[in-house]
C-alpha atoms as a PDB file:
ATOM      1  CA  MET A   1      -0.026  -0.017   0.005  1.00  0.00           C
ATOM      2  CA  VAL A   2       1.296   3.499  -0.816  1.00  0.00           C
ATOM      3  CA  ARG A   3       1.261   5.927   2.050  1.00  0.00           C
ATOM      4  CA  VAL A   4       0.362   9.531   1.372  1.00  0.00           C
ATOM      5  CA  ASP A   5       3.389  11.658   2.342  1.00  0.00           C
ATOM      6  CA  LYS A   6       1.445  14.941   2.213  1.00  0.00           C
ATOM      7  CA  THR A   7      -1.229  15.676   4.756  1.00  0.00           C
ATOM      8  CA  ALA A   8      -4.846  15.640   3.596  1.00  0.00           C
ATOM      9  CA  LYS A   9      -4.858  19.443   3.896  1.00  0.00           C
ATOM     10  CA  GLU A  10      -1.821  19.737   1.598  1.00  0.00           C
ATOM     11  CA  TRP A  11      -3.448  17.457  -0.964  1.00  0.00           C
ATOM     12  CA  MET A  12      -6.676  19.448  -0.854  1.00  0.00           C
ATOM     13  CA  ASP A  13      -4.867  22.778  -1.101  1.00  0.00           C
ATOM     14  CA  THR A  14      -2.847  21.823  -4.206  1.00  0.00           C
ATOM     15  CA  LYS A  15      -4.528  24.156  -6.742  1.00  0.00           C
ATOM     16  CA  PRO A  16      -4.579  22.597 -10.227  1.00  0.00           C
ATOM     17  CA  TYR A  17      -4.725  25.028 -13.182  1.00  0.00           C
ATOM     18  CA  SER A  18      -8.348  24.204 -13.939  1.00  0.00           C
ATOM     19  CA  ARG A  19      -9.867  24.929 -10.544  1.00  0.00           C
ATOM     20  CA  TRP A  20     -10.157  28.676 -10.355  1.00  0.00           C
ATOM     21  CA  ASP A  21     -13.861  28.683  -9.304  1.00  0.00           C
ATOM     22  CA  SER A  22     -14.204  30.264  -5.860  1.00  0.00           C
ATOM     23  CA  GLU A  23     -16.681  27.473  -4.989  1.00  0.00           C
ATOM     24  CA  TYR A  24     -13.743  25.031  -5.095  1.00  0.00           C
ATOM     25  CA  TRP A  25     -12.266  26.764  -2.041  1.00  0.00           C
ATOM     26  CA  HIS A  26     -15.505  27.158  -0.083  1.00  0.00           C
ATOM     27  CA  PRO A  27     -15.021  26.773   3.723  1.00  0.00           C
ATOM     28  CA  LYS A  28     -18.004  24.375   3.861  1.00  0.00           C
ATOM     29  CA  TYR A  29     -15.555  21.656   2.878  1.00  0.00           C
ATOM     30  CA  ASP A  30     -13.198  22.312   5.773  1.00  0.00           C
ATOM     31  CA  GLU A  31     -14.850  19.869   8.169  1.00  0.00           C
ATOM     32  CA  ALA A  32     -14.353  16.916   5.859  1.00  0.00           C
ATOM     33  CA  TYR A  33     -10.732  17.806   5.079  1.00  0.00           C
ATOM     34  CA  ASP A  34     -10.003  18.305   8.778  1.00  0.00           C
ATOM     35  CA  VAL A  35     -11.339  14.814   9.535  1.00  0.00           C
ATOM     36  CA  LEU A  36      -9.185  13.329   6.790  1.00  0.00           C
ATOM     37  CA  ASN A  37      -6.192  15.298   7.998  1.00  0.00           C
ATOM     38  CA  LYS A  38      -6.614  14.108  11.633  1.00  0.00           C
ATOM     39  CA  PHE A  39      -7.202  10.449  10.682  1.00  0.00           C
ATOM     40  CA  GLY A  40      -4.452   8.504  12.419  1.00  0.00           C
ATOM     41  CA  GLY A  41      -4.162   5.599  10.050  1.00  0.00           C
ATOM     42  CA  GLU A  42      -3.045   5.213   6.459  1.00  0.00           C
ATOM     43  CA  LYS A  43      -4.504   7.384   3.718  1.00  0.00           C
ATOM     44  CA  VAL A  44      -4.098   6.634   0.006  1.00  0.00           C
ATOM     45  CA  ILE A  45      -4.914   8.304  -3.221  1.00  0.00           C
ATOM     46  CA  LEU A  46      -7.663   6.234  -4.861  1.00  0.00           C
ATOM     47  CA  LYS A  47      -5.526   5.668  -7.940  1.00  0.00           C
ATOM     48  CA  ASN A  48      -3.091   3.679  -5.850  1.00  0.00           C
ATOM     49  CA  ILE A  49      -5.722   1.110  -4.816  1.00  0.00           C
ATOM     50  CA  LEU A  50      -7.220   0.636  -8.271  1.00  0.00           C
ATOM     51  CA  ARG A  51      -6.331  -2.281 -10.461  1.00  0.00           C
ATOM     52  CA  ASP A  52      -4.073  -0.961 -13.242  1.00  0.00           C
ATOM     53  CA  LYS A  53      -3.961   2.220 -11.200  1.00  0.00           C
ATOM     54  CA  GLU A  54      -6.609   4.016 -13.198  1.00  0.00           C
ATOM     55  CA  VAL A  55     -10.335   4.662 -13.312  1.00  0.00           C
ATOM     56  CA  ILE A  56     -12.022   2.872 -16.186  1.00  0.00           C
ATOM     57  CA  SER A  57     -13.480   5.645 -18.375  1.00  0.00           C
ATOM     58  CA  CYS A  58     -16.897   5.533 -19.910  1.00  0.00           C
ATOM     59  CA  ASP A  59     -19.070   6.358 -22.881  1.00  0.00           C
ATOM     60  CA  HIS A  60     -22.690   5.639 -23.784  1.00  0.00           C
ATOM     61  CA  VAL A  61     -24.811   3.920 -26.492  1.00  0.00           C
ATOM     62  CA  ARG A  62     -24.753   6.076 -29.680  1.00  0.00           C
ATOM     63  CA  ALA A  63     -27.564   6.003 -32.214  1.00  0.00           C
ATOM     64  CA  SER A  64     -25.146   7.560 -34.706  1.00  0.00           C
ATOM     65  CA  LYS A  65     -23.241   4.251 -34.649  1.00  0.00           C
ATOM     66  CA  GLN A  66     -26.444   2.234 -35.112  1.00  0.00           C
ATOM     67  CA  GLU A  67     -26.352   1.137 -31.490  1.00  0.00           C
ATOM     68  CA  LYS A  68     -29.683   0.415 -29.893  1.00  0.00           C
ATOM     69  CA  ILE A  69     -31.470  -0.084 -26.598  1.00  0.00           C
ATOM     70  CA  GLY A  70     -34.125  -2.760 -26.625  1.00  0.00           C
ATOM     71  CA  GLU A  71     -34.679  -6.494 -26.154  1.00  0.00           C
ATOM     72  CA  TYR A  72     -31.071  -7.709 -26.225  1.00  0.00           C
ATOM     73  CA  LYS A  73     -28.873  -9.729 -23.887  1.00  0.00           C
ATOM     74  CA  THR A  74     -26.377  -7.189 -22.628  1.00  0.00           C
ATOM     75  CA  ALA A  75     -27.489  -5.276 -19.539  1.00  0.00           C
ATOM     76  CA  TYR A  76     -26.856  -1.536 -19.562  1.00  0.00           C
ATOM     77  CA  PHE A  77     -26.467   0.277 -16.205  1.00  0.00           C
ATOM     78  CA  THR A  78     -26.945   4.043 -16.239  1.00  0.00           C
ATOM     79  CA  VAL A  79     -27.024   6.891 -13.647  1.00  0.00           C
ATOM     80  CA  ASP A  80     -30.820   7.274 -14.109  1.00  0.00           C
ATOM     81  CA  HIS A  81     -31.651   4.236 -11.950  1.00  0.00           C
ATOM     82  CA  ILE A  82     -29.043   4.445  -9.247  1.00  0.00           C
ATOM     83  CA  MET A  83     -30.623   4.548  -5.812  1.00  0.00           C
ATOM     84  CA  SER A  84     -28.855   5.303  -2.542  1.00  0.00           C
ATOM     85  CA  THR A  85     -29.294   1.666  -1.481  1.00  0.00           C
ATOM     86  CA  GLY A  86     -28.419   0.024  -4.813  1.00  0.00           C
ATOM     87  CA  TYR A  87     -29.612  -0.153  -8.373  1.00  0.00           C
ATOM     88  CA  ASP A  88     -33.200  -0.275  -9.558  1.00  0.00           C
ATOM     89  CA  LEU A  89     -33.229  -3.470 -11.591  1.00  0.00           C
ATOM     90  CA  THR A  90     -36.904  -3.046 -12.459  1.00  0.00           C
ATOM     91  CA  ASN A  91     -35.756  -0.374 -14.901  1.00  0.00           C
ATOM     92  CA  LEU A  92     -32.753  -2.225 -16.235  1.00  0.00           C
ATOM     93  CA  LEU A  93     -32.022  -1.573 -19.932  1.00  0.00           C
ATOM     94  CA  PHE A  94     -30.399  -3.849 -22.513  1.00  0.00           C
ATOM     95  CA  VAL A  95     -28.276  -2.941 -25.553  1.00  0.00           C
ATOM     96  CA  SER A  96     -27.384  -4.365 -28.954  1.00  0.00           C
ATOM     97  CA  ASP A  97     -24.382  -6.483 -29.580  1.00  0.00           C
ATOM     98  CA  ASN A  98     -22.523  -3.790 -31.531  1.00  0.00           C
ATOM     99  CA  ALA A  99     -22.878  -1.422 -28.532  1.00  0.00           C
ATOM    100  CA  TYR A 100     -21.356  -4.103 -26.291  1.00  0.00           C
ATOM    101  CA  GLU A 101     -18.455  -4.641 -28.703  1.00  0.00           C
ATOM    102  CA  ARG A 102     -17.556  -0.974 -28.680  1.00  0.00           C
ATOM    103  CA  LEU A 103     -18.107  -0.484 -24.912  1.00  0.00           C
ATOM    104  CA  LYS A 104     -16.951  -3.842 -23.580  1.00  0.00           C
ATOM    105  CA  ARG A 105     -14.025  -2.125 -21.830  1.00  0.00           C
ATOM    106  CA  THR A 106     -16.751  -1.137 -19.318  1.00  0.00           C
ATOM    107  CA  ALA A 107     -17.971  -4.679 -18.823  1.00  0.00           C
ATOM    108  CA  LEU A 108     -18.815  -4.932 -15.141  1.00  0.00           C
ATOM    109  CA  ARG A 109     -17.291  -7.463 -12.766  1.00  0.00           C
ATOM    110  CA  SER A 110     -18.528  -8.457  -9.302  1.00  0.00           C
ATOM    111  CA  GLY A 111     -17.384  -5.861  -6.829  1.00  0.00           C
ATOM    112  CA  ASP A 112     -16.957  -2.988  -9.282  1.00  0.00           C
ATOM    113  CA  VAL A 113     -18.079   0.363  -8.010  1.00  0.00           C
ATOM    114  CA  ALA A 114     -19.672   2.523 -10.775  1.00  0.00           C
ATOM    115  CA  ILE A 115     -19.790   6.305 -10.175  1.00  0.00           C
ATOM    116  CA  ALA A 116     -21.421   9.066 -12.201  1.00  0.00           C
ATOM    117  CA  GLY A 117     -19.104  11.801 -13.376  1.00  0.00           C
ATOM    118  CA  SER A 118     -21.648  14.088 -14.975  1.00  0.00           C
ATOM    119  CA  GLY A 119     -25.228  15.388 -14.806  1.00  0.00           C
ATOM    120  CA  LYS A 120     -26.777  18.005 -12.534  1.00  0.00           C
ATOM    121  CA  GLY A 121     -27.795  16.288  -9.298  1.00  0.00           C
ATOM    122  CA  SER A 122     -26.178  13.055 -10.467  1.00  0.00           C
ATOM    123  CA  VAL A 123     -22.441  13.607 -10.005  1.00  0.00           C
ATOM    124  CA  GLY A 124     -21.075  11.301  -7.382  1.00  0.00           C
ATOM    125  CA  LYS A 125     -23.973   8.859  -7.413  1.00  0.00           C
ATOM    126  CA  SER A 126     -22.570   5.304  -7.206  1.00  0.00           C
ATOM    127  CA  PHE A 127     -23.517   1.669  -6.807  1.00  0.00           C
ATOM    128  CA  ILE A 128     -21.632  -1.564  -6.286  1.00  0.00           C
ATOM    129  CA  PHE A 129     -22.141  -4.270  -8.907  1.00  0.00           C
ATOM    130  CA  ARG A 130     -23.343  -7.382  -7.100  1.00  0.00           C
ATOM    131  CA  TYR A 131     -25.937  -8.546  -9.532  1.00  0.00           C
ATOM    132  CA  ASN A 132     -26.421 -11.789 -11.401  1.00  0.00           C
ATOM    133  CA  GLN A 133     -25.993 -10.416 -14.915  1.00  0.00           C
ATOM    134  CA  ASN A 134     -23.720 -12.429 -17.158  1.00  0.00           C
ATOM    135  CA  VAL A 135     -22.920  -9.557 -19.454  1.00  0.00           C
ATOM    136  CA  ALA A 136     -23.273  -5.977 -18.386  1.00  0.00           C
ATOM    137  CA  ILE A 137     -21.807  -2.576 -19.310  1.00  0.00           C
ATOM    138  CA  VAL A 138     -22.261   0.975 -18.141  1.00  0.00           C
ATOM    139  CA  GLY A 139     -23.331   4.180 -19.783  1.00  0.00           C
ATOM    140  CA  ASP A 140     -21.566   7.392 -18.724  1.00  0.00           C
ATOM    141  CA  LEU A 141     -20.377   5.865 -15.481  1.00  0.00           C
ATOM    142  CA  PHE A 142     -16.760   5.519 -14.384  1.00  0.00           C
ATOM    143  CA  ILE A 143     -15.734   2.162 -12.990  1.00  0.00           C
ATOM    144  CA  LEU A 144     -13.632   1.813  -9.844  1.00  0.00           C
ATOM    145  CA  ARG A 145     -12.083  -1.664  -9.647  1.00  0.00           C
ATOM    146  CA  VAL A 146     -10.215  -1.762  -6.335  1.00  0.00           C
ATOM    147  CA  LYS A 147      -7.580  -4.049  -4.906  1.00  0.00           C
ATOM    148  CA  GLU A 148      -6.456  -4.458  -1.294  1.00  0.00           C
ATOM    149  CA  ILE A 149      -9.629  -2.940   0.153  1.00  0.00           C
ATOM    150  CA  SER A 150     -13.251  -3.983   0.244  1.00  0.00           C
ATOM    151  CA  PRO A 151     -15.274  -2.427  -2.581  1.00  0.00           C
ATOM    152  CA  TYR A 152     -18.171  -2.311  -0.107  1.00  0.00           C
ATOM    153  CA  TYR A 153     -16.166  -0.085   2.162  1.00  0.00           C
ATOM    154  CA  LEU A 154     -15.295   2.159  -0.786  1.00  0.00           C
ATOM    155  CA  GLN A 155     -18.988   2.389  -1.747  1.00  0.00           C
ATOM    156  CA  VAL A 156     -19.931   3.419   1.832  1.00  0.00           C
ATOM    157  CA  PHE A 157     -17.044   5.864   1.958  1.00  0.00           C
ATOM    158  CA  LEU A 158     -18.141   7.502  -1.293  1.00  0.00           C
ATOM    159  CA  GLN A 159     -21.619   7.987   0.118  1.00  0.00           C
ATOM    160  CA  SER A 160     -20.314   9.492   3.364  1.00  0.00           C
ATOM    161  CA  PHE A 161     -19.858  13.221   3.804  1.00  0.00           C
ATOM    162  CA  LEU A 162     -16.113  12.667   3.427  1.00  0.00           C
ATOM    163  CA  GLY A 163     -16.525  11.115  -0.013  1.00  0.00           C
ATOM    164  CA  GLN A 164     -19.276  13.530  -1.161  1.00  0.00           C
ATOM    165  CA  ALA A 165     -17.258  16.533  -0.069  1.00  0.00           C
ATOM    166  CA  GLN A 166     -14.487  15.477  -2.384  1.00  0.00           C
ATOM    167  CA  VAL A 167     -16.970  14.913  -5.239  1.00  0.00           C
ATOM    168  CA  GLN A 168     -18.639  18.264  -4.713  1.00  0.00           C
ATOM    169  CA  ARG A 169     -15.365  20.176  -4.401  1.00  0.00           C
ATOM    170  CA  HIS A 170     -14.177  18.846  -7.728  1.00  0.00           C
ATOM    171  CA  GLU A 171     -17.439  19.550  -9.570  1.00  0.00           C
ATOM    172  CA  SER A 172     -17.152  22.161 -12.262  1.00  0.00           C
ATOM    173  CA  GLY A 173     -19.096  23.338 -15.272  1.00  0.00           C
ATOM    174  CA  VAL A 174     -21.491  25.932 -16.580  1.00  0.00           C
ATOM    175  CA  SER A 175     -25.194  26.192 -17.500  1.00  0.00           C
ATOM    176  CA  GLY A 176     -26.138  23.665 -14.810  1.00  0.00           C
ATOM    177  CA  GLN A 177     -24.147  20.791 -16.407  1.00  0.00           C
ATOM    178  CA  THR A 178     -21.675  19.666 -13.799  1.00  0.00           C
ATOM    179  CA  HIS A 179     -19.004  17.004 -13.979  1.00  0.00           C
ATOM    180  CA  ILE A 180     -15.896  15.522 -12.473  1.00  0.00           C
ATOM    181  CA  ASN A 181     -13.237  13.879 -14.591  1.00  0.00           C
ATOM    182  CA  LYS A 182     -11.225  10.715 -14.457  1.00  0.00           C
ATOM    183  CA  GLN A 183      -8.105  12.358 -13.013  1.00  0.00           C
ATOM    184  CA  GLU A 184     -10.073  14.122 -10.277  1.00  0.00           C
ATOM    185  CA  ILE A 185     -11.666  10.859  -9.181  1.00  0.00           C
ATOM    186  CA  GLU A 186      -8.244   9.160  -9.153  1.00  0.00           C
ATOM    187  CA  GLU A 187      -7.048  11.886  -6.698  1.00  0.00           C
ATOM    188  CA  PHE A 188      -9.710  11.219  -4.051  1.00  0.00           C
ATOM    189  CA  LEU A 189      -8.247  10.503  -0.687  1.00  0.00           C
ATOM    190  CA  VAL A 190      -9.342   7.336   1.047  1.00  0.00           C
ATOM    191  CA  PRO A 191      -8.574   6.524   4.685  1.00  0.00           C
ATOM    192  CA  ILE A 192      -7.732   2.853   5.093  1.00  0.00           C
ATOM    193  CA  LEU A 193      -9.628   1.184   7.890  1.00  0.00           C
ATOM    194  CA  SER A 194      -8.548  -2.132   9.383  1.00  0.00           C
ATOM    195  CA  GLU A 195      -9.360  -5.268   7.442  1.00  0.00           C
ATOM    196  CA  HIS A 196     -11.491  -6.353  10.379  1.00  0.00           C
ATOM    197  CA  THR A 197     -13.629  -3.162  10.218  1.00  0.00           C
ATOM    198  CA  GLN A 198     -13.938  -3.333   6.417  1.00  0.00           C
ATOM    199  CA  THR A 199     -15.190  -6.935   6.737  1.00  0.00           C
ATOM    200  CA  HIS A 200     -17.865  -5.720   9.155  1.00  0.00           C
ATOM    201  CA  ILE A 201     -18.838  -2.833   6.847  1.00  0.00           C
ATOM    202  CA  GLU A 202     -19.162  -5.329   3.970  1.00  0.00           C
ATOM    203  CA  SER A 203     -21.286  -7.646   6.101  1.00  0.00           C
ATOM    204  CA  GLU A 204     -23.572  -4.792   7.253  1.00  0.00           C
ATOM    205  CA  TYR A 205     -23.966  -3.478   3.687  1.00  0.00           C
ATOM    206  CA  LYS A 206     -25.013  -6.923   2.436  1.00  0.00           C
ATOM    207  CA  LYS A 207     -27.612  -7.160   5.255  1.00  0.00           C
ATOM    208  CA  MET A 208     -29.008  -3.806   4.060  1.00  0.00           C
ATOM    209  CA  SER A 209     -29.008  -5.040   0.461  1.00  0.00           C
ATOM    210  CA  VAL A 210     -31.411  -7.833   1.350  1.00  0.00           C
ATOM    211  CA  TYR A 211     -34.058  -5.188   2.024  1.00  0.00           C
ATOM    212  CA  HIS A 212     -33.214  -3.276  -1.113  1.00  0.00           C
ATOM    213  CA  ASP A 213     -33.670  -6.463  -3.143  1.00  0.00           C
ATOM    214  CA  LYS A 214     -36.955  -7.210  -1.416  1.00  0.00           C
ATOM    215  CA  ALA A 215     -38.119  -3.697  -2.294  1.00  0.00           C
ATOM    216  CA  MET A 216     -37.201  -4.260  -5.970  1.00  0.00           C
ATOM    217  CA  GLU A 217     -39.135  -7.538  -5.983  1.00  0.00           C
ATOM    218  CA  ALA A 218     -42.170  -5.763  -4.473  1.00  0.00           C
ATOM    219  CA  LYS A 219     -41.890  -2.970  -7.045  1.00  0.00           C
ATOM    220  CA  LYS A 220     -41.827  -5.526  -9.835  1.00  0.00           C
ATOM    221  CA  LYS A 221     -45.084  -6.955  -8.447  1.00  0.00           C
ATOM    222  CA  SER A 222     -46.579  -3.443  -8.045  1.00  0.00           C
ATOM    223  CA  ASP A 223     -46.805  -4.053  -4.272  1.00  0.00           C
ATOM    224  CA  GLU A 224     -46.434  -0.431  -3.084  1.00  0.00           C
ATOM    225  CA  VAL A 225     -46.804  -1.245   0.588  1.00  0.00           C
ATOM    226  CA  ALA A 226     -44.078  -3.890   0.614  1.00  0.00           C
ATOM    227  CA  TYR A 227     -41.873  -1.740  -1.530  1.00  0.00           C
ATOM    228  CA  LYS A 228     -42.110   1.276   0.789  1.00  0.00           C
ATOM    229  CA  LYS A 229     -41.568  -0.799   3.893  1.00  0.00           C
ATOM    230  CA  ASN A 230     -38.461  -2.526   2.600  1.00  0.00           C
ATOM    231  CA  ILE A 231     -36.899   0.497   0.923  1.00  0.00           C
ATOM    232  CA  GLU A 232     -37.326   2.578   4.046  1.00  0.00           C
ATOM    233  CA  THR A 233     -35.694  -0.165   6.095  1.00  0.00           C
ATOM    234  CA  ALA A 234     -32.778  -0.328   3.638  1.00  0.00           C
ATOM    235  CA  GLU A 235     -32.346   3.478   3.679  1.00  0.00           C
ATOM    236  CA  LYS A 236     -32.348   3.566   7.462  1.00  0.00           C
ATOM    237  CA  MET A 237     -29.810   0.732   7.709  1.00  0.00           C
ATOM    238  CA  LEU A 238     -27.541   2.416   5.134  1.00  0.00           C
ATOM    239  CA  LYS A 239     -27.770   5.793   6.783  1.00  0.00           C
ATOM    240  CA  ASP A 240     -26.807   4.198  10.106  1.00  0.00           C
ATOM    241  CA  LEU A 241     -23.880   2.281   8.568  1.00  0.00           C
ATOM    242  CA  ILE A 242     -22.563   5.453   6.930  1.00  0.00           C
ATOM    243  CA  ALA A 243     -22.778   7.290  10.238  1.00  0.00           C
ATOM    244  CA  ARG A 244     -20.928   4.507  12.075  1.00  0.00           C
ATOM    245  CA  THR A 245     -18.271   4.361   9.370  1.00  0.00           C
ATOM    246  CA  GLU A 246     -17.743   8.138   9.686  1.00  0.00           C
ATOM    247  CA  ALA A 247     -17.445   7.708  13.406  1.00  0.00           C
ATOM    248  CA  VAL A 248     -14.653   5.152  13.024  1.00  0.00           C
ATOM    249  CA  ILE A 249     -12.796   7.512  10.655  1.00  0.00           C
ATOM    250  CA  ARG A 250     -13.233  10.325  13.176  1.00  0.00           C
ATOM    251  CA  GLY A 251     -11.779   8.086  15.892  1.00  0.00           C
ATOM    252  CA  GLU A 252     -14.994   8.201  17.890  1.00  0.00           C
ATOM    253  CA  GLN A 253     -15.423   4.402  17.866  1.00  0.00           C
ATOM    254  CA  LYS A 254     -13.257   1.461  16.983  1.00  0.00           C
ATOM    255  CA  ASP A 255     -15.580  -0.495  14.710  1.00  0.00           C
ATOM    256  CA  VAL A 256     -19.041  -0.277  13.075  1.00  0.00           C
ATOM    257  CA  ILE A 257     -20.504  -3.078  15.168  1.00  0.00           C
END
């Protein structure tokens, strides 16, 4: 594992040429950076815990290339159906073979974390791929394929205020169209929790996912009561897990359970 020699504050205060927007330096981000700076354990740049040390870049289905969405075999995951607790499989799309051939570099593997890099209100939305789809690709989502840490921990971290602060700080754009790029995502700082704690986070996330999946099954059956009950349970469990993970990073507790 590569240790970060600079403090979190020094990393955050390195002003790249493209970040002249005053919003980038807004004091509202100070709390998150202070927590990262005070974290007593190891911190790494996300790039250093990615396989091949890079974010897998994305594209989307293009009608101009005669690529189509319809009744095909390749699943197509997009930002539109990412929920806080997982992906809405009731709205899963499928794409033509020629789309898969061009976009197969984004073929999803179990444990991949897919994150949106563009779209007003969508930047930073993410989900972990844990679905039984033999062939699946993404549209306009970056793929984070990690090594040495649990992807479930990464997903929870990205949803925490520490992860979202880094997403929001890097957002840029005009006319309401915001984005973050591949390099900016690779520069995210991630505190490394113990393997024991990461295992517990993964276990707790999977427990939450049971209720998300039950909600999706209920939605498929148009059972609104069961859907609402299960999705609310999943959301509550996830919110609690994120809070406990943040508490560990702050040093306020030793583990999430």
